[in-house]
Amino acid sequence: MSEAALAELPVRVAPSDVARAGEVLTEDALDFVAELHRRFDGRRRALLAVRVERQREFDAGALPDFRADTADIRSGDWRIGAIPADLIDRRVEITGPTDRKMVINALNSGAQAFMADFEDATAPT
């Protein structure tokens, strides 16, 4: 069936048994989903067919590789920028309970800060 013929078919959505689904799946929302389906279903199906074919190639022993048209990028003489100062030292604050063992571990961890969790970590005691 052609894409033009598919576009003319009505899109039907089965009723949902989920409580309050009608609050989310409004008429406008369903119309939007139907339009997305009409517009992209042909392309979606074509991509799925390509995926199935690619899986057959892998199953037959083919291995994934980089695309040939990007070889000049990979072989080029380029470098990334310098690492920002905030990323060089990634020791950060840690959070934990207030028992002795955790505080000693926190002080020995090298983190720049330690936040003791008095409330949640000690509940219900």
PDB file of N, CA and C in Angstrom:
ATOM      1  N   MET A   1       0.853  -1.176   0.000  1.00  0.00           N
ATOM      2  CA  MET A   1       0.000   0.000   0.000  1.00  0.00           C
ATOM      3  C   MET A   1       0.898   1.238   0.000  1.00  0.00           C
ATOM      4  N   SER A   2       0.556   2.212  -0.805  1.00  0.00           N
ATOM      5  CA  SER A   2       1.369   3.426  -0.904  1.00  0.00           C
ATOM      6  C   SER A   2       1.215   4.297   0.336  1.00  0.00           C
ATOM      7  N   GLU A   3       2.179   5.212   0.516  1.00  0.00           N
ATOM      8  CA  GLU A   3       2.101   6.122   1.661  1.00  0.00           C
ATOM      9  C   GLU A   3       0.864   7.013   1.552  1.00  0.00           C
ATOM     10  N   ALA A   4       0.523   7.408   0.347  1.00  0.00           N
ATOM     11  CA  ALA A   4      -0.660   8.249   0.163  1.00  0.00           C
ATOM     12  C   ALA A   4      -1.922   7.500   0.587  1.00  0.00           C
ATOM     13  N   ALA A   5      -1.994   6.209   0.234  1.00  0.00           N
ATOM     14  CA  ALA A   5      -3.155   5.410   0.622  1.00  0.00           C
ATOM     15  C   ALA A   5      -3.182   5.207   2.137  1.00  0.00           C
ATOM     16  N   LEU A   6      -1.993   4.982   2.728  1.00  0.00           N
ATOM     17  CA  LEU A   6      -1.928   4.823   4.182  1.00  0.00           C
ATOM     18  C   LEU A   6      -2.381   6.089   4.898  1.00  0.00           C
ATOM     19  N   ALA A   7      -2.016   7.241   4.340  1.00  0.00           N
ATOM     20  CA  ALA A   7      -2.358   8.510   4.972  1.00  0.00           C
ATOM     21  C   ALA A   7      -3.860   8.729   5.027  1.00  0.00           C
ATOM     22  N   GLU A   8      -4.594   8.105   4.127  1.00  0.00           N
ATOM     23  CA  GLU A   8      -6.042   8.269   4.094  1.00  0.00           C
ATOM     24  C   GLU A   8      -6.766   7.362   5.079  1.00  0.00           C
ATOM     25  N   LEU A   9      -6.088   6.313   5.550  1.00  0.00           N
ATOM     26  CA  LEU A   9      -6.736   5.393   6.478  1.00  0.00           C
ATOM     27  C   LEU A   9      -6.941   6.069   7.832  1.00  0.00           C
ATOM     28  N   PRO A  10      -8.069   5.814   8.481  1.00  0.00           N
ATOM     29  CA  PRO A  10      -8.269   6.389   9.812  1.00  0.00           C
ATOM     30  C   PRO A  10      -7.372   5.682  10.825  1.00  0.00           C
ATOM     31  N   VAL A  11      -6.922   6.434  11.781  1.00  0.00           N
ATOM     32  CA  VAL A  11      -6.131   5.858  12.867  1.00  0.00           C
ATOM     33  C   VAL A  11      -7.079   5.653  14.031  1.00  0.00           C
ATOM     34  N   ARG A  12      -7.136   4.421  14.531  1.00  0.00           N
ATOM     35  CA  ARG A  12      -8.029   4.108  15.637  1.00  0.00           C
ATOM     36  C   ARG A  12      -7.204   3.763  16.871  1.00  0.00           C
ATOM     37  N   VAL A  13      -7.650   4.234  18.004  1.00  0.00           N
ATOM     38  CA  VAL A  13      -6.989   3.947  19.274  1.00  0.00           C
ATOM     39  C   VAL A  13      -7.968   3.178  20.145  1.00  0.00           C
ATOM     40  N   ALA A  14      -7.536   2.020  20.635  1.00  0.00           N
ATOM     41  CA  ALA A  14      -8.397   1.216  21.502  1.00  0.00           C
ATOM     42  C   ALA A  14      -8.566   1.930  22.833  1.00  0.00           C
ATOM     43  N   PRO A  15      -9.735   1.812  23.441  1.00  0.00           N
ATOM     44  CA  PRO A  15      -9.950   2.449  24.749  1.00  0.00           C
ATOM     45  C   PRO A  15      -8.966   1.893  25.770  1.00  0.00           C
ATOM     46  N   SER A  16      -8.567   2.735  26.700  1.00  0.00           N
ATOM     47  CA  SER A  16      -7.621   2.333  27.735  1.00  0.00           C
ATOM     48  C   SER A  16      -8.355   1.952  29.000  1.00  0.00           C
ATOM     49  N   ASP A  17      -7.851   0.920  29.685  1.00  0.00           N
ATOM     50  CA  ASP A  17      -8.407   0.512  30.974  1.00  0.00           C
ATOM     51  C   ASP A  17      -7.718   1.232  32.121  1.00  0.00           C
ATOM     52  N   VAL A  18      -6.723   2.052  31.815  1.00  0.00           N
ATOM     53  CA  VAL A  18      -5.972   2.757  32.845  1.00  0.00           C
ATOM     54  C   VAL A  18      -6.839   3.877  33.421  1.00  0.00           C
ATOM     55  N   ALA A  19      -6.868   3.933  34.734  1.00  0.00           N
ATOM     56  CA  ALA A  19      -7.672   4.967  35.396  1.00  0.00           C
ATOM     57  C   ALA A  19      -7.213   6.354  34.962  1.00  0.00           C
ATOM     58  N   ARG A  20      -8.144   7.218  34.670  1.00  0.00           N
ATOM     59  CA  ARG A  20      -7.918   8.624  34.316  1.00  0.00           C
ATOM     60  C   ARG A  20      -7.107   8.807  33.020  1.00  0.00           C
ATOM     61  N   ALA A  21      -7.038   7.759  32.189  1.00  0.00           N
ATOM     62  CA  ALA A  21      -6.292   7.865  30.940  1.00  0.00           C
ATOM     63  C   ALA A  21      -6.855   8.976  30.054  1.00  0.00           C
ATOM     64  N   GLY A  22      -8.143   9.201  30.140  1.00  0.00           N
ATOM     65  CA  GLY A  22      -8.776  10.229  29.332  1.00  0.00           C
ATOM     66  C   GLY A  22      -8.268  11.633  29.622  1.00  0.00           C
ATOM     67  N   GLU A  23      -7.700  11.827  30.815  1.00  0.00           N
ATOM     68  CA  GLU A  23      -7.147  13.134  31.158  1.00  0.00           C
ATOM     69  C   GLU A  23      -5.858  13.411  30.393  1.00  0.00           C
ATOM     70  N   VAL A  24      -5.163  12.346  30.011  1.00  0.00           N
ATOM     71  CA  VAL A  24      -3.909  12.494  29.259  1.00  0.00           C
ATOM     72  C   VAL A  24      -4.169  12.287  27.771  1.00  0.00           C
ATOM     73  N   LEU A  25      -4.928  11.237  27.475  1.00  0.00           N
ATOM     74  CA  LEU A  25      -5.209  10.914  26.073  1.00  0.00           C
ATOM     75  C   LEU A  25      -6.440  11.678  25.603  1.00  0.00           C
ATOM     76  N   THR A  26      -6.327  12.979  25.593  1.00  0.00           N
ATOM     77  CA  THR A  26      -7.422  13.834  25.145  1.00  0.00           C
ATOM     78  C   THR A  26      -7.591  13.709  23.643  1.00  0.00           C
ATOM     79  N   GLU A  27      -8.648  14.250  23.138  1.00  0.00           N
ATOM     80  CA  GLU A  27      -8.875  14.219  21.685  1.00  0.00           C
ATOM     81  C   GLU A  27      -7.724  14.901  20.942  1.00  0.00           C
ATOM     82  N   ASP A  28      -7.270  16.047  21.456  1.00  0.00           N
ATOM     83  CA  ASP A  28      -6.141  16.747  20.815  1.00  0.00           C
ATOM     84  C   ASP A  28      -4.875  15.900  20.843  1.00  0.00           C
ATOM     85  N   ALA A  29      -4.615  15.243  21.974  1.00  0.00           N
ATOM     86  CA  ALA A  29      -3.418  14.409  22.089  1.00  0.00           C
ATOM     87  C   ALA A  29      -3.491  13.240  21.116  1.00  0.00           C
ATOM     88  N   LEU A  30      -4.652  12.608  21.019  1.00  0.00           N
ATOM     89  CA  LEU A  30      -4.804  11.486  20.098  1.00  0.00           C
ATOM     90  C   LEU A  30      -4.706  11.933  18.647  1.00  0.00           C
ATOM     91  N   ASP A  31      -5.238  13.112  18.335  1.00  0.00           N
ATOM     92  CA  ASP A  31      -5.104  13.648  16.977  1.00  0.00           C
ATOM     93  C   ASP A  31      -3.631  13.883  16.646  1.00  0.00           C
ATOM     94  N   PHE A  32      -2.870  14.371  17.632  1.00  0.00           N
ATOM     95  CA  PHE A  32      -1.443  14.615  17.436  1.00  0.00           C
ATOM     96  C   PHE A  32      -0.708  13.301  17.169  1.00  0.00           C
ATOM     97  N   VAL A  33      -1.002  12.269  17.962  1.00  0.00           N
ATOM     98  CA  VAL A  33      -0.362  10.965  17.766  1.00  0.00           C
ATOM     99  C   VAL A  33      -0.749  10.388  16.411  1.00  0.00           C
ATOM    100  N   ALA A  34      -1.999  10.538  16.026  1.00  0.00           N
ATOM    101  CA  ALA A  34      -2.450  10.040  14.723  1.00  0.00           C
ATOM    102  C   ALA A  34      -1.713  10.752  13.592  1.00  0.00           C
ATOM    103  N   GLU A  35      -1.512  12.062  13.724  1.00  0.00           N
ATOM    104  CA  GLU A  35      -0.782  12.815  12.700  1.00  0.00           C
ATOM    105  C   GLU A  35       0.668  12.362  12.623  1.00  0.00           C
ATOM    106  N   LEU A  36       1.290  12.136  13.775  1.00  0.00           N
ATOM    107  CA  LEU A  36       2.663  11.612  13.785  1.00  0.00           C
ATOM    108  C   LEU A  36       2.721  10.262  13.077  1.00  0.00           C
ATOM    109  N   HIS A  37       1.738   9.425  13.358  1.00  0.00           N
ATOM    110  CA  HIS A  37       1.690   8.105  12.727  1.00  0.00           C
ATOM    111  C   HIS A  37       1.550   8.241  11.207  1.00  0.00           C
ATOM    112  N   ARG A  38       0.616   9.071  10.782  1.00  0.00           N
ATOM    113  CA  ARG A  38       0.417   9.254   9.340  1.00  0.00           C
ATOM    114  C   ARG A  38       1.678   9.788   8.669  1.00  0.00           C
ATOM    115  N   ARG A  39       2.318  10.727   9.321  1.00  0.00           N
ATOM    116  CA  ARG A  39       3.470  11.392   8.723  1.00  0.00           C
ATOM    117  C   ARG A  39       4.717  10.506   8.699  1.00  0.00           C
ATOM    118  N   PHE A  40       4.934   9.716   9.752  1.00  0.00           N
ATOM    119  CA  PHE A  40       6.220   9.032   9.895  1.00  0.00           C
ATOM    120  C   PHE A  40       6.157   7.508   9.831  1.00  0.00           C
ATOM    121  N   ASP A  41       4.983   6.921   9.716  1.00  0.00           N
ATOM    122  CA  ASP A  41       4.900   5.465   9.737  1.00  0.00           C
ATOM    123  C   ASP A  41       5.651   4.819   8.581  1.00  0.00           C
ATOM    124  N   GLY A  42       5.577   5.396   7.398  1.00  0.00           N
ATOM    125  CA  GLY A  42       6.301   4.827   6.253  1.00  0.00           C
ATOM    126  C   GLY A  42       7.803   4.809   6.500  1.00  0.00           C
ATOM    127  N   ARG A  43       8.329   5.909   6.985  1.00  0.00           N
ATOM    128  CA  ARG A  43       9.765   5.994   7.284  1.00  0.00           C
ATOM    129  C   ARG A  43      10.128   5.046   8.430  1.00  0.00           C
ATOM    130  N   ARG A  44       9.284   4.970   9.434  1.00  0.00           N
ATOM    131  CA  ARG A  44       9.521   4.070  10.570  1.00  0.00           C
ATOM    132  C   ARG A  44       9.614   2.627  10.097  1.00  0.00           C
ATOM    133  N   ARG A  45       8.688   2.228   9.247  1.00  0.00           N
ATOM    134  CA  ARG A  45       8.696   0.858   8.725  1.00  0.00           C
ATOM    135  C   ARG A  45       9.938   0.596   7.872  1.00  0.00           C
ATOM    136  N   ALA A  46      10.335   1.576   7.073  1.00  0.00           N
ATOM    137  CA  ALA A  46      11.534   1.414   6.240  1.00  0.00           C
ATOM    138  C   ALA A  46      12.778   1.248   7.117  1.00  0.00           C
ATOM    139  N   LEU A  47      12.882   2.045   8.167  1.00  0.00           N
ATOM    140  CA  LEU A  47      14.029   1.931   9.075  1.00  0.00           C
ATOM    141  C   LEU A  47      14.042   0.587   9.801  1.00  0.00           C
ATOM    142  N   LEU A  48      12.864   0.102  10.178  1.00  0.00           N
ATOM    143  CA  LEU A  48      12.804  -1.209  10.814  1.00  0.00           C
ATOM    144  C   LEU A  48      13.231  -2.313   9.858  1.00  0.00           C
ATOM    145  N   ALA A  49      12.877  -2.185   8.587  1.00  0.00           N
ATOM    146  CA  ALA A  49      13.294  -3.175   7.589  1.00  0.00           C
ATOM    147  C   ALA A  49      14.816  -3.152   7.426  1.00  0.00           C
ATOM    148  N   VAL A  50      15.401  -1.963   7.429  1.00  0.00           N
ATOM    149  CA  VAL A  50      16.861  -1.850   7.346  1.00  0.00           C
ATOM    150  C   VAL A  50      17.495  -2.496   8.578  1.00  0.00           C
ATOM    151  N   ARG A  51      16.893  -2.291   9.732  1.00  0.00           N
ATOM    152  CA  ARG A  51      17.417  -2.892  10.961  1.00  0.00           C
ATOM    153  C   ARG A  51      17.399  -4.417  10.880  1.00  0.00           C
ATOM    154  N   VAL A  52      16.309  -4.984  10.351  1.00  0.00           N
ATOM    155  CA  VAL A  52      16.210  -6.436  10.217  1.00  0.00           C
ATOM    156  C   VAL A  52      17.292  -6.948   9.270  1.00  0.00           C
ATOM    157  N   GLU A  53      17.489  -6.253   8.165  1.00  0.00           N
ATOM    158  CA  GLU A  53      18.521  -6.662   7.206  1.00  0.00           C
ATOM    159  C   GLU A  53      19.910  -6.570   7.826  1.00  0.00           C
ATOM    160  N   ARG A  54      20.162  -5.506   8.567  1.00  0.00           N
ATOM    161  CA  ARG A  54      21.472  -5.328   9.221  1.00  0.00           C
ATOM    162  C   ARG A  54      21.700  -6.442  10.234  1.00  0.00           C
ATOM    163  N   GLN A  55      20.652  -6.846  10.963  1.00  0.00           N
ATOM    164  CA  GLN A  55      20.790  -7.944  11.921  1.00  0.00           C
ATOM    165  C   GLN A  55      21.121  -9.243  11.203  1.00  0.00           C
ATOM    166  N   ARG A  56      20.525  -9.465  10.025  1.00  0.00           N
ATOM    167  CA  ARG A  56      20.856 -10.661   9.235  1.00  0.00           C
ATOM    168  C   ARG A  56      22.340 -10.667   8.876  1.00  0.00           C
ATOM    169  N   GLU A  57      22.884  -9.487   8.527  1.00  0.00           N
ATOM    170  CA  GLU A  57      24.314  -9.392   8.203  1.00  0.00           C
ATOM    171  C   GLU A  57      25.164  -9.751   9.422  1.00  0.00           C
ATOM    172  N   PHE A  58      24.800  -9.236  10.585  1.00  0.00           N
ATOM    173  CA  PHE A  58      25.542  -9.559  11.802  1.00  0.00           C
ATOM    174  C   PHE A  58      25.446 -11.052  12.110  1.00  0.00           C
ATOM    175  N   ASP A  59      24.237 -11.608  11.964  1.00  0.00           N
ATOM    176  CA  ASP A  59      24.047 -13.035  12.223  1.00  0.00           C
ATOM    177  C   ASP A  59      24.885 -13.889  11.283  1.00  0.00           C
ATOM    178  N   ALA A  60      25.169 -13.374  10.090  1.00  0.00           N
ATOM    179  CA  ALA A  60      25.975 -14.102   9.109  1.00  0.00           C
ATOM    180  C   ALA A  60      27.471 -13.881   9.331  1.00  0.00           C
ATOM    181  N   GLY A  61      27.827 -13.096  10.351  1.00  0.00           N
ATOM    182  CA  GLY A  61      29.240 -12.931  10.671  1.00  0.00           C
ATOM    183  C   GLY A  61      29.820 -11.560  10.400  1.00  0.00           C
ATOM    184  N   ALA A  62      29.067 -10.651   9.822  1.00  0.00           N
ATOM    185  CA  ALA A  62      29.587  -9.302   9.574  1.00  0.00           C
ATOM    186  C   ALA A  62      29.837  -8.606  10.909  1.00  0.00           C
ATOM    187  N   LEU A  63      30.839  -7.760  10.952  1.00  0.00           N
ATOM    188  CA  LEU A  63      31.151  -7.003  12.161  1.00  0.00           C
ATOM    189  C   LEU A  63      30.854  -5.528  11.937  1.00  0.00           C
ATOM    190  N   PRO A  64      30.416  -4.826  12.977  1.00  0.00           N
ATOM    191  CA  PRO A  64      30.161  -3.391  12.827  1.00  0.00           C
ATOM    192  C   PRO A  64      31.476  -2.652  12.590  1.00  0.00           C
ATOM    193  N   ASP A  65      31.408  -1.548  11.884  1.00  0.00           N
ATOM    194  CA  ASP A  65      32.600  -0.751  11.589  1.00  0.00           C
ATOM    195  C   ASP A  65      32.173   0.705  11.446  1.00  0.00           C
ATOM    196  N   PHE A  66      33.161   1.580  11.367  1.00  0.00           N
ATOM    197  CA  PHE A  66      32.873   2.988  11.141  1.00  0.00           C
ATOM    198  C   PHE A  66      32.457   3.191   9.688  1.00  0.00           C
ATOM    199  N   ARG A  67      31.687   4.231   9.447  1.00  0.00           N
ATOM    200  CA  ARG A  67      31.267   4.544   8.092  1.00  0.00           C
ATOM    201  C   ARG A  67      32.473   5.004   7.279  1.00  0.00           C
ATOM    202  N   ALA A  68      32.543   4.576   6.035  1.00  0.00           N
ATOM    203  CA  ALA A  68      33.665   4.923   5.162  1.00  0.00           C
ATOM    204  C   ALA A  68      33.729   6.430   4.901  1.00  0.00           C
ATOM    205  N   ASP A  69      32.569   7.098   4.827  1.00  0.00           N
ATOM    206  CA  ASP A  69      32.572   8.523   4.504  1.00  0.00           C
ATOM    207  C   ASP A  69      33.045   9.402   5.656  1.00  0.00           C
ATOM    208  N   THR A  70      33.376   8.793   6.811  1.00  0.00           N
ATOM    209  CA  THR A  70      33.904   9.581   7.928  1.00  0.00           C
ATOM    210  C   THR A  70      35.378   9.284   8.192  1.00  0.00           C
ATOM    211  N   ALA A  71      36.027   8.558   7.302  1.00  0.00           N
ATOM    212  CA  ALA A  71      37.434   8.172   7.501  1.00  0.00           C
ATOM    213  C   ALA A  71      38.340   9.391   7.623  1.00  0.00           C
ATOM    214  N   ASP A  72      38.096  10.459   6.848  1.00  0.00           N
ATOM    215  CA  ASP A  72      38.961  11.639   6.914  1.00  0.00           C
ATOM    216  C   ASP A  72      38.891  12.317   8.281  1.00  0.00           C
ATOM    217  N   ILE A  73      37.755  12.237   8.948  1.00  0.00           N
ATOM    218  CA  ILE A  73      37.620  12.811  10.287  1.00  0.00           C
ATOM    219  C   ILE A  73      38.478  12.019  11.270  1.00  0.00           C
ATOM    220  N   ARG A  74      38.375  10.695  11.186  1.00  0.00           N
ATOM    221  CA  ARG A  74      39.132   9.849  12.112  1.00  0.00           C
ATOM    222  C   ARG A  74      40.629   9.928  11.874  1.00  0.00           C
ATOM    223  N   SER A  75      41.050  10.123  10.650  1.00  0.00           N
ATOM    224  CA  SER A  75      42.486  10.144  10.361  1.00  0.00           C
ATOM    225  C   SER A  75      43.078  11.555  10.423  1.00  0.00           C
ATOM    226  N   GLY A  76      42.243  12.558  10.652  1.00  0.00           N
ATOM    227  CA  GLY A  76      42.711  13.941  10.694  1.00  0.00           C
ATOM    228  C   GLY A  76      43.588  14.226  11.906  1.00  0.00           C
ATOM    229  N   ASP A  77      44.288  15.329  11.859  1.00  0.00           N
ATOM    230  CA  ASP A  77      45.167  15.752  12.944  1.00  0.00           C
ATOM    231  C   ASP A  77      44.422  16.798  13.760  1.00  0.00           C
ATOM    232  N   TRP A  78      43.651  16.360  14.725  1.00  0.00           N
ATOM    233  CA  TRP A  78      42.861  17.277  15.532  1.00  0.00           C
ATOM    234  C   TRP A  78      42.918  16.850  16.989  1.00  0.00           C
ATOM    235  N   ARG A  79      42.635  17.769  17.860  1.00  0.00           N
ATOM    236  CA  ARG A  79      42.632  17.522  19.297  1.00  0.00           C
ATOM    237  C   ARG A  79      41.446  18.246  19.917  1.00  0.00           C
ATOM    238  N   ILE A  80      41.042  17.750  21.057  1.00  0.00           N
ATOM    239  CA  ILE A  80      39.982  18.437  21.787  1.00  0.00           C
ATOM    240  C   ILE A  80      40.582  19.592  22.559  1.00  0.00           C
ATOM    241  N   GLY A  81      39.750  20.481  23.049  1.00  0.00           N
ATOM    242  CA  GLY A  81      40.213  21.604  23.846  1.00  0.00           C
ATOM    243  C   GLY A  81      40.716  21.138  25.203  1.00  0.00           C
ATOM    244  N   ALA A  82      41.342  22.048  25.928  1.00  0.00           N
ATOM    245  CA  ALA A  82      41.848  21.728  27.258  1.00  0.00           C
ATOM    246  C   ALA A  82      40.700  21.409  28.210  1.00  0.00           C
ATOM    247  N   ILE A  83      40.995  20.608  29.207  1.00  0.00           N
ATOM    248  CA  ILE A  83      39.984  20.242  30.207  1.00  0.00           C
ATOM    249  C   ILE A  83      39.735  21.455  31.096  1.00  0.00           C
ATOM    250  N   PRO A  84      38.473  21.849  31.282  1.00  0.00           N
ATOM    251  CA  PRO A  84      38.174  22.990  32.158  1.00  0.00           C
ATOM    252  C   PRO A  84      38.644  22.729  33.585  1.00  0.00           C
ATOM    253  N   ALA A  85      39.051  23.768  34.270  1.00  0.00           N
ATOM    254  CA  ALA A  85      39.597  23.640  35.624  1.00  0.00           C
ATOM    255  C   ALA A  85      38.622  22.936  36.562  1.00  0.00           C
ATOM    256  N   ASP A  86      37.313  23.216  36.440  1.00  0.00           N
ATOM    257  CA  ASP A  86      36.374  22.579  37.367  1.00  0.00           C
ATOM    258  C   ASP A  86      36.285  21.071  37.173  1.00  0.00           C
ATOM    259  N   LEU A  87      36.724  20.555  36.017  1.00  0.00           N
ATOM    260  CA  LEU A  87      36.662  19.117  35.791  1.00  0.00           C
ATOM    261  C   LEU A  87      37.956  18.407  36.174  1.00  0.00           C
ATOM    262  N   ILE A  88      39.017  19.149  36.371  1.00  0.00           N
ATOM    263  CA  ILE A  88      40.299  18.516  36.698  1.00  0.00           C
ATOM    264  C   ILE A  88      40.248  17.902  38.090  1.00  0.00           C
ATOM    265  N   ASP A  89      39.697  18.601  39.060  1.00  0.00           N
ATOM    266  CA  ASP A  89      39.590  18.082  40.418  1.00  0.00           C
ATOM    267  C   ASP A  89      38.143  17.699  40.656  1.00  0.00           C
ATOM    268  N   ARG A  90      37.846  16.415  40.558  1.00  0.00           N
ATOM    269  CA  ARG A  90      36.465  15.956  40.671  1.00  0.00           C
ATOM    270  C   ARG A  90      36.126  15.454  42.071  1.00  0.00           C
ATOM    271  N   ARG A  91      36.967  15.746  43.064  1.00  0.00           N
ATOM    272  CA  ARG A  91      36.600  15.388  44.432  1.00  0.00           C
ATOM    273  C   ARG A  91      35.445  16.292  44.825  1.00  0.00           C
ATOM    274  N   VAL A  92      34.363  15.706  45.221  1.00  0.00           N
ATOM    275  CA  VAL A  92      33.171  16.499  45.509  1.00  0.00           C
ATOM    276  C   VAL A  92      32.646  16.171  46.889  1.00  0.00           C
ATOM    277  N   GLU A  93      31.629  16.851  47.254  1.00  0.00           N
ATOM    278  CA  GLU A  93      30.995  16.615  48.543  1.00  0.00           C
ATOM    279  C   GLU A  93      30.350  15.242  48.551  1.00  0.00           C
ATOM    280  N   ILE A  94      30.406  14.572  49.690  1.00  0.00           N
ATOM    281  CA  ILE A  94      29.685  13.310  49.856  1.00  0.00           C
ATOM    282  C   ILE A  94      28.719  13.470  51.018  1.00  0.00           C
ATOM    283  N   THR A  95      27.706  12.660  51.031  1.00  0.00           N
ATOM    284  CA  THR A  95      26.692  12.738  52.070  1.00  0.00           C
ATOM    285  C   THR A  95      26.592  11.393  52.757  1.00  0.00           C
ATOM    286  N   GLY A  96      26.396  11.411  54.055  1.00  0.00           N
ATOM    287  CA  GLY A  96      26.230  10.144  54.748  1.00  0.00           C
ATOM    288  C   GLY A  96      25.754  10.333  56.168  1.00  0.00           C
ATOM    289  N   PRO A  97      25.521   9.203  56.844  1.00  0.00           N
ATOM    290  CA  PRO A  97      25.038   9.269  58.221  1.00  0.00           C
ATOM    291  C   PRO A  97      26.119   9.805  59.157  1.00  0.00           C
ATOM    292  N   THR A  98      25.715  10.071  60.386  1.00  0.00           N
ATOM    293  CA  THR A  98      26.611  10.728  61.334  1.00  0.00           C
ATOM    294  C   THR A  98      27.351   9.758  62.240  1.00  0.00           C
ATOM    295  N   ASP A  99      27.303   8.458  61.967  1.00  0.00           N
ATOM    296  CA  ASP A  99      28.016   7.542  62.845  1.00  0.00           C
ATOM    297  C   ASP A  99      29.530   7.702  62.661  1.00  0.00           C
ATOM    298  N   ARG A 100      30.301   7.282  63.671  1.00  0.00           N
ATOM    299  CA  ARG A 100      31.756   7.505  63.672  1.00  0.00           C
ATOM    300  C   ARG A 100      32.444   6.966  62.432  1.00  0.00           C
ATOM    301  N   LYS A 101      32.102   5.728  62.039  1.00  0.00           N
ATOM    302  CA  LYS A 101      32.772   5.096  60.900  1.00  0.00           C
ATOM    303  C   LYS A 101      32.592   5.923  59.626  1.00  0.00           C
ATOM    304  N   MET A 102      31.378   6.418  59.381  1.00  0.00           N
ATOM    305  CA  MET A 102      31.121   7.193  58.175  1.00  0.00           C
ATOM    306  C   MET A 102      31.865   8.523  58.197  1.00  0.00           C
ATOM    307  N   VAL A 103      31.919   9.177  59.337  1.00  0.00           N
ATOM    308  CA  VAL A 103      32.620  10.453  59.429  1.00  0.00           C
ATOM    309  C   VAL A 103      34.113  10.251  59.201  1.00  0.00           C
ATOM    310  N   ILE A 104      34.684   9.202  59.783  1.00  0.00           N
ATOM    311  CA  ILE A 104      36.112   8.909  59.562  1.00  0.00           C
ATOM    312  C   ILE A 104      36.356   8.623  58.091  1.00  0.00           C
ATOM    313  N   ASN A 105      35.512   7.805  57.471  1.00  0.00           N
ATOM    314  CA  ASN A 105      35.655   7.517  56.038  1.00  0.00           C
ATOM    315  C   ASN A 105      35.553   8.795  55.207  1.00  0.00           C
ATOM    316  N   ALA A 106      34.631   9.665  55.566  1.00  0.00           N
ATOM    317  CA  ALA A 106      34.452  10.913  54.822  1.00  0.00           C
ATOM    318  C   ALA A 106      35.696  11.791  54.939  1.00  0.00           C
ATOM    319  N   LEU A 107      36.243  11.885  56.169  1.00  0.00           N
ATOM    320  CA  LEU A 107      37.426  12.723  56.366  1.00  0.00           C
ATOM    321  C   LEU A 107      38.634  12.159  55.618  1.00  0.00           C
ATOM    322  N   ASN A 108      38.701  10.859  55.446  1.00  0.00           N
ATOM    323  CA  ASN A 108      39.815  10.224  54.744  1.00  0.00           C
ATOM    324  C   ASN A 108      39.583  10.086  53.244  1.00  0.00           C
ATOM    325  N   SER A 109      38.425  10.475  52.742  1.00  0.00           N
ATOM    326  CA  SER A 109      38.063  10.224  51.342  1.00  0.00           C
ATOM    327  C   SER A 109      38.737  11.161  50.352  1.00  0.00           C
ATOM    328  N   GLY A 110      39.169  12.324  50.805  1.00  0.00           N
ATOM    329  CA  GLY A 110      39.732  13.302  49.876  1.00  0.00           C
ATOM    330  C   GLY A 110      38.685  14.230  49.297  1.00  0.00           C
ATOM    331  N   ALA A 111      37.437  14.042  49.676  1.00  0.00           N
ATOM    332  CA  ALA A 111      36.386  14.938  49.184  1.00  0.00           C
ATOM    333  C   ALA A 111      36.618  16.335  49.741  1.00  0.00           C
ATOM    334  N   GLN A 112      36.204  17.326  49.003  1.00  0.00           N
ATOM    335  CA  GLN A 112      36.395  18.711  49.428  1.00  0.00           C
ATOM    336  C   GLN A 112      35.422  19.111  50.527  1.00  0.00           C
ATOM    337  N   ALA A 113      34.329  18.368  50.663  1.00  0.00           N
ATOM    338  CA  ALA A 113      33.336  18.696  51.680  1.00  0.00           C
ATOM    339  C   ALA A 113      32.598  17.430  52.074  1.00  0.00           C
ATOM    340  N   PHE A 114      32.067  17.419  53.265  1.00  0.00           N
ATOM    341  CA  PHE A 114      31.251  16.311  53.742  1.00  0.00           C
ATOM    342  C   PHE A 114      29.990  16.887  54.364  1.00  0.00           C
ATOM    343  N   MET A 115      28.862  16.375  53.972  1.00  0.00           N
ATOM    344  CA  MET A 115      27.602  16.841  54.514  1.00  0.00           C
ATOM    345  C   MET A 115      27.006  15.689  55.324  1.00  0.00           C
ATOM    346  N   ALA A 116      26.921  15.859  56.614  1.00  0.00           N
ATOM    347  CA  ALA A 116      26.366  14.820  57.472  1.00  0.00           C
ATOM    348  C   ALA A 116      24.847  14.863  57.390  1.00  0.00           C
ATOM    349  N   ASP A 117      24.252  13.703  57.258  1.00  0.00           N
ATOM    350  CA  ASP A 117      22.810  13.586  57.119  1.00  0.00           C
ATOM    351  C   ASP A 117      22.232  13.170  58.472  1.00  0.00           C
ATOM    352  N   PHE A 118      21.933  14.160  59.315  1.00  0.00           N
ATOM    353  CA  PHE A 118      21.417  13.877  60.654  1.00  0.00           C
ATOM    354  C   PHE A 118      19.984  13.360  60.618  1.00  0.00           C
ATOM    355  N   GLU A 119      19.203  13.827  59.676  1.00  0.00           N
ATOM    356  CA  GLU A 119      17.780  13.546  59.703  1.00  0.00           C
ATOM    357  C   GLU A 119      17.456  12.139  59.186  1.00  0.00           C
ATOM    358  N   ASP A 120      17.643  11.903  57.863  1.00  0.00           N
ATOM    359  CA  ASP A 120      17.212  10.655  57.258  1.00  0.00           C
ATOM    360  C   ASP A 120      18.098   9.473  57.625  1.00  0.00           C
ATOM    361  N   ALA A 121      19.395   9.722  57.760  1.00  0.00           N
ATOM    362  CA  ALA A 121      20.317   8.612  57.975  1.00  0.00           C
ATOM    363  C   ALA A 121      20.166   8.010  59.363  1.00  0.00           C
ATOM    364  N   THR A 122      19.661   8.732  60.321  1.00  0.00           N
ATOM    365  CA  THR A 122      19.547   8.199  61.673  1.00  0.00           C
ATOM    366  C   THR A 122      18.130   7.767  62.015  1.00  0.00           C
ATOM    367  N   ALA A 123      17.190   7.907  61.120  1.00  0.00           N
ATOM    368  CA  ALA A 123      15.808   7.512  61.392  1.00  0.00           C
ATOM    369  C   ALA A 123      15.736   6.004  61.484  1.00  0.00           C
ATOM    370  N   PRO A 124      14.964   5.423  62.322  1.00  0.00           N
ATOM    371  CA  PRO A 124      14.069   6.053  63.286  1.00  0.00           C
ATOM    372  C   PRO A 124      14.723   6.288  64.639  1.00  0.00           C
ATOM    373  N   THR A 125      16.017   6.053  64.785  1.00  0.00           N
ATOM    374  CA  THR A 125      16.651   6.200  66.092  1.00  0.00           C
ATOM    375  C   THR A 125      17.098   7.629  66.322  1.00  0.00           C
TER     376      THR A 125
END
